[in-house]
Amino acid sequence: MNNPAHLDTLIEKHHSLQAAIDDEIHRPLPDQVRLTQLKREKLKLKEEISRQAQ
């Protein structure tokens, strides 16, 4: 089922995760574990966005 409001929410979360990843990368000593977690979560969202967009 295609729900535009849900899709918009997913996209917002995706952008928010990208901002968190960018912030972490630009820290003097980035936490690699946190980066990995953020990237995995972002990938899961990307996959869900793809499913919702179909």
PDB file of N, CA and C in Angstrom:
ATOM      1  N   MET A   1       0.839  -1.176   0.000  1.00  0.00           N
ATOM      2  CA  MET A   1       0.000   0.000   0.000  1.00  0.00           C
ATOM      3  C   MET A   1       0.886   1.242   0.000  1.00  0.00           C
ATOM      4  N   ASN A   2       0.571   2.170  -0.815  1.00  0.00           N
ATOM      5  CA  ASN A   2       1.380   3.367  -0.993  1.00  0.00           C
ATOM      6  C   ASN A   2       0.818   4.503  -0.127  1.00  0.00           C
ATOM      7  N   ASN A   3       1.531   4.863   0.942  1.00  0.00           N
ATOM      8  CA  ASN A   3       1.093   5.910   1.855  1.00  0.00           C
ATOM      9  C   ASN A   3       2.097   7.060   1.781  1.00  0.00           C
ATOM     10  N   PRO A   4       1.745   8.155   1.119  1.00  0.00           N
ATOM     11  CA  PRO A   4       2.686   9.267   0.939  1.00  0.00           C
ATOM     12  C   PRO A   4       3.190   9.866   2.255  1.00  0.00           C
ATOM     13  N   ALA A   5       2.339   9.937   3.271  1.00  0.00           N
ATOM     14  CA  ALA A   5       2.763  10.503   4.555  1.00  0.00           C
ATOM     15  C   ALA A   5       3.823   9.616   5.206  1.00  0.00           C
ATOM     16  N   HIS A   6       3.620   8.307   5.133  1.00  0.00           N
ATOM     17  CA  HIS A   6       4.598   7.374   5.697  1.00  0.00           C
ATOM     18  C   HIS A   6       5.914   7.449   4.917  1.00  0.00           C
ATOM     19  N   LEU A   7       5.815   7.534   3.620  1.00  0.00           N
ATOM     20  CA  LEU A   7       7.004   7.642   2.784  1.00  0.00           C
ATOM     21  C   LEU A   7       7.781   8.918   3.111  1.00  0.00           C
ATOM     22  N   ASP A   8       7.072  10.017   3.305  1.00  0.00           N
ATOM     23  CA  ASP A   8       7.729  11.278   3.678  1.00  0.00           C
ATOM     24  C   ASP A   8       8.452  11.146   5.011  1.00  0.00           C
ATOM     25  N   THR A   9       7.835  10.465   5.961  1.00  0.00           N
ATOM     26  CA  THR A   9       8.454  10.251   7.270  1.00  0.00           C
ATOM     27  C   THR A   9       9.730   9.429   7.133  1.00  0.00           C
ATOM     28  N   LEU A  10       9.670   8.390   6.319  1.00  0.00           N
ATOM     29  CA  LEU A  10      10.852   7.551   6.100  1.00  0.00           C
ATOM     30  C   LEU A  10      11.984   8.364   5.470  1.00  0.00           C
ATOM     31  N   ILE A  11      11.645   9.198   4.512  1.00  0.00           N
ATOM     32  CA  ILE A  11      12.651  10.023   3.838  1.00  0.00           C
ATOM     33  C   ILE A  11      13.267  11.021   4.820  1.00  0.00           C
ATOM     34  N   GLU A  12      12.440  11.598   5.687  1.00  0.00           N
ATOM     35  CA  GLU A  12      12.962  12.522   6.705  1.00  0.00           C
ATOM     36  C   GLU A  12      13.930  11.814   7.637  1.00  0.00           C
ATOM     37  N   LYS A  13      13.572  10.596   8.065  1.00  0.00           N
ATOM     38  CA  LYS A  13      14.460   9.819   8.944  1.00  0.00           C
ATOM     39  C   LYS A  13      15.765   9.503   8.221  1.00  0.00           C
ATOM     40  N   HIS A  14      15.667   9.195   6.929  1.00  0.00           N
ATOM     41  CA  HIS A  14      16.850   8.882   6.125  1.00  0.00           C
ATOM     42  C   HIS A  14      17.792  10.087   6.088  1.00  0.00           C
ATOM     43  N   HIS A  15      17.233  11.276   5.863  1.00  0.00           N
ATOM     44  CA  HIS A  15      18.045  12.498   5.831  1.00  0.00           C
ATOM     45  C   HIS A  15      18.650  12.796   7.202  1.00  0.00           C
ATOM     46  N   SER A  16      17.882  12.531   8.234  1.00  0.00           N
ATOM     47  CA  SER A  16      18.360  12.747   9.596  1.00  0.00           C
ATOM     48  C   SER A  16      19.535  11.821   9.911  1.00  0.00           C
ATOM     49  N   LEU A  17      19.428  10.583   9.479  1.00  0.00           N
ATOM     50  CA  LEU A  17      20.533   9.639   9.686  1.00  0.00           C
ATOM     51  C   LEU A  17      21.767  10.073   8.906  1.00  0.00           C
ATOM     52  N   GLN A  18      21.577  10.581   7.693  1.00  0.00           N
ATOM     53  CA  GLN A  18      22.714  11.054   6.916  1.00  0.00           C
ATOM     54  C   GLN A  18      23.400  12.215   7.631  1.00  0.00           C
ATOM     55  N   ALA A  19      22.620  13.101   8.226  1.00  0.00           N
ATOM     56  CA  ALA A  19      23.192  14.229   8.975  1.00  0.00           C
ATOM     57  C   ALA A  19      23.985  13.717  10.181  1.00  0.00           C
ATOM     58  N   ALA A  20      23.448  12.704  10.865  1.00  0.00           N
ATOM     59  CA  ALA A  20      24.152  12.124  12.020  1.00  0.00           C
ATOM     60  C   ALA A  20      25.460  11.466  11.581  1.00  0.00           C
ATOM     61  N   ILE A  21      25.428  10.804  10.428  1.00  0.00           N
ATOM     62  CA  ILE A  21      26.639  10.172   9.885  1.00  0.00           C
ATOM     63  C   ILE A  21      27.676  11.253   9.554  1.00  0.00           C
ATOM     64  N   ASP A  22      27.236  12.313   8.901  1.00  0.00           N
ATOM     65  CA  ASP A  22      28.149  13.409   8.558  1.00  0.00           C
ATOM     66  C   ASP A  22      28.762  14.028   9.812  1.00  0.00           C
ATOM     67  N   ASP A  23      27.943  14.242  10.836  1.00  0.00           N
ATOM     68  CA  ASP A  23      28.447  14.801  12.096  1.00  0.00           C
ATOM     69  C   ASP A  23      29.502  13.894  12.712  1.00  0.00           C
ATOM     70  N   GLU A  24      29.216  12.606  12.720  1.00  0.00           N
ATOM     71  CA  GLU A  24      30.148  11.648  13.329  1.00  0.00           C
ATOM     72  C   GLU A  24      31.460  11.592  12.548  1.00  0.00           C
ATOM     73  N   ILE A  25      31.375  11.608  11.232  1.00  0.00           N
ATOM     74  CA  ILE A  25      32.579  11.544  10.391  1.00  0.00           C
ATOM     75  C   ILE A  25      33.488  12.743  10.641  1.00  0.00           C
ATOM     76  N   HIS A  26      32.883  13.913  10.899  1.00  0.00           N
ATOM     77  CA  HIS A  26      33.675  15.132  11.047  1.00  0.00           C
ATOM     78  C   HIS A  26      34.137  15.398  12.470  1.00  0.00           C
ATOM     79  N   ARG A  27      33.861  14.473  13.381  1.00  0.00           N
ATOM     80  CA  ARG A  27      34.390  14.595  14.737  1.00  0.00           C
ATOM     81  C   ARG A  27      35.890  14.308  14.699  1.00  0.00           C
ATOM     82  N   PRO A  28      36.640  14.837  15.654  1.00  0.00           N
ATOM     83  CA  PRO A  28      38.086  14.561  15.686  1.00  0.00           C
ATOM     84  C   PRO A  28      38.402  13.060  15.750  1.00  0.00           C
ATOM     85  N   LEU A  29      37.644  12.313  16.542  1.00  0.00           N
ATOM     86  CA  LEU A  29      37.844  10.862  16.626  1.00  0.00           C
ATOM     87  C   LEU A  29      36.498  10.163  16.424  1.00  0.00           C
ATOM     88  N   PRO A  30      36.125   9.924  15.172  1.00  0.00           N
ATOM     89  CA  PRO A  30      34.829   9.305  14.900  1.00  0.00           C
ATOM     90  C   PRO A  30      34.709   7.920  15.551  1.00  0.00           C
ATOM     91  N   ASP A  31      33.556   7.626  16.083  1.00  0.00           N
ATOM     92  CA  ASP A  31      33.266   6.325  16.682  1.00  0.00           C
ATOM     93  C   ASP A  31      32.833   5.382  15.564  1.00  0.00           C
ATOM     94  N   GLN A  32      33.699   4.444  15.231  1.00  0.00           N
ATOM     95  CA  GLN A  32      33.439   3.547  14.106  1.00  0.00           C
ATOM     96  C   GLN A  32      32.250   2.632  14.351  1.00  0.00           C
ATOM     97  N   VAL A  33      32.041   2.243  15.601  1.00  0.00           N
ATOM     98  CA  VAL A  33      30.894   1.388  15.922  1.00  0.00           C
ATOM     99  C   VAL A  33      29.597   2.159  15.683  1.00  0.00           C
ATOM    100  N   ARG A  34      29.557   3.394  16.159  1.00  0.00           N
ATOM    101  CA  ARG A  34      28.363   4.230  15.949  1.00  0.00           C
ATOM    102  C   ARG A  34      28.133   4.472  14.459  1.00  0.00           C
ATOM    103  N   LEU A  35      29.201   4.737  13.719  1.00  0.00           N
ATOM    104  CA  LEU A  35      29.071   4.941  12.273  1.00  0.00           C
ATOM    105  C   LEU A  35      28.471   3.712  11.597  1.00  0.00           C
ATOM    106  N   THR A  36      28.949   2.556  11.981  1.00  0.00           N
ATOM    107  CA  THR A  36      28.438   1.314  11.398  1.00  0.00           C
ATOM    108  C   THR A  36      26.957   1.144  11.714  1.00  0.00           C
ATOM    109  N   GLN A  37      26.564   1.423  12.953  1.00  0.00           N
ATOM    110  CA  GLN A  37      25.155   1.312  13.335  1.00  0.00           C
ATOM    111  C   GLN A  37      24.291   2.278  12.535  1.00  0.00           C
ATOM    112  N   LEU A  38      24.745   3.522  12.423  1.00  0.00           N
ATOM    113  CA  LEU A  38      23.990   4.528  11.686  1.00  0.00           C
ATOM    114  C   LEU A  38      23.848   4.132  10.216  1.00  0.00           C
ATOM    115  N   LYS A  39      24.919   3.648   9.632  1.00  0.00           N
ATOM    116  CA  LYS A  39      24.880   3.262   8.220  1.00  0.00           C
ATOM    117  C   LYS A  39      23.958   2.069   7.981  1.00  0.00           C
ATOM    118  N   ARG A  40      23.957   1.110   8.916  1.00  0.00           N
ATOM    119  CA  ARG A  40      23.055  -0.037   8.778  1.00  0.00           C
ATOM    120  C   ARG A  40      21.599   0.403   8.870  1.00  0.00           C
ATOM    121  N   GLU A  41      21.328   1.290   9.834  1.00  0.00           N
ATOM    122  CA  GLU A  41      19.966   1.789   9.993  1.00  0.00           C
ATOM    123  C   GLU A  41      19.529   2.565   8.746  1.00  0.00           C
ATOM    124  N   LYS A  42      20.444   3.352   8.196  1.00  0.00           N
ATOM    125  CA  LYS A  42      20.141   4.119   6.985  1.00  0.00           C
ATOM    126  C   LYS A  42      19.847   3.180   5.811  1.00  0.00           C
ATOM    127  N   LEU A  43      20.609   2.110   5.705  1.00  0.00           N
ATOM    128  CA  LEU A  43      20.385   1.139   4.634  1.00  0.00           C
ATOM    129  C   LEU A  43      19.021   0.459   4.777  1.00  0.00           C
ATOM    130  N   LYS A  44      18.648   0.109   6.001  1.00  0.00           N
ATOM    131  CA  LYS A  44      17.336  -0.498   6.222  1.00  0.00           C
ATOM    132  C   LYS A  44      16.225   0.463   5.804  1.00  0.00           C
ATOM    133  N   LEU A  45      16.394   1.739   6.151  1.00  0.00           N
ATOM    134  CA  LEU A  45      15.401   2.740   5.753  1.00  0.00           C
ATOM    135  C   LEU A  45      15.339   2.870   4.238  1.00  0.00           C
ATOM    136  N   LYS A  46      16.494   2.859   3.598  1.00  0.00           N
ATOM    137  CA  LYS A  46      16.535   2.971   2.140  1.00  0.00           C
ATOM    138  C   LYS A  46      15.768   1.815   1.491  1.00  0.00           C
ATOM    139  N   GLU A  47      15.946   0.618   2.033  1.00  0.00           N
ATOM    140  CA  GLU A  47      15.239  -0.543   1.502  1.00  0.00           C
ATOM    141  C   GLU A  47      13.732  -0.410   1.727  1.00  0.00           C
ATOM    142  N   GLU A  48      13.349   0.082   2.906  1.00  0.00           N
ATOM    143  CA  GLU A  48      11.920   0.262   3.175  1.00  0.00           C
ATOM    144  C   GLU A  48      11.325   1.345   2.280  1.00  0.00           C
ATOM    145  N   ILE A  49      12.078   2.412   2.030  1.00  0.00           N
ATOM    146  CA  ILE A  49      11.622   3.470   1.138  1.00  0.00           C
ATOM    147  C   ILE A  49      11.393   2.893  -0.266  1.00  0.00           C
ATOM    148  N   SER A  50      12.302   2.057  -0.714  1.00  0.00           N
ATOM    149  CA  SER A  50      12.159   1.432  -2.033  1.00  0.00           C
ATOM    150  C   SER A  50      10.907   0.584  -2.105  1.00  0.00           C
ATOM    151  N   ARG A  51      10.643  -0.182  -1.042  1.00  0.00           N
ATOM    152  CA  ARG A  51       9.433  -1.031  -1.020  1.00  0.00           C
ATOM    153  C   ARG A  51       8.172  -0.168  -1.016  1.00  0.00           C
ATOM    154  N   GLN A  52       8.180   0.918  -0.257  1.00  0.00           N
ATOM    155  CA  GLN A  52       7.014   1.787  -0.159  1.00  0.00           C
ATOM    156  C   GLN A  52       6.754   2.527  -1.474  1.00  0.00           C
ATOM    157  N   ALA A  53       7.815   2.854  -2.199  1.00  0.00           N
ATOM    158  CA  ALA A  53       7.682   3.630  -3.420  1.00  0.00           C
ATOM    159  C   ALA A  53       7.113   2.796  -4.579  1.00  0.00           C
ATOM    160  N   GLN A  54       7.153   1.482  -4.432  1.00  0.00           N
ATOM    161  CA  GLN A  54       6.673   0.611  -5.523  1.00  0.00           C
ATOM    162  C   GLN A  54       5.181   0.560  -5.584  1.00  0.00           C
TER     163      GLN A  54
END
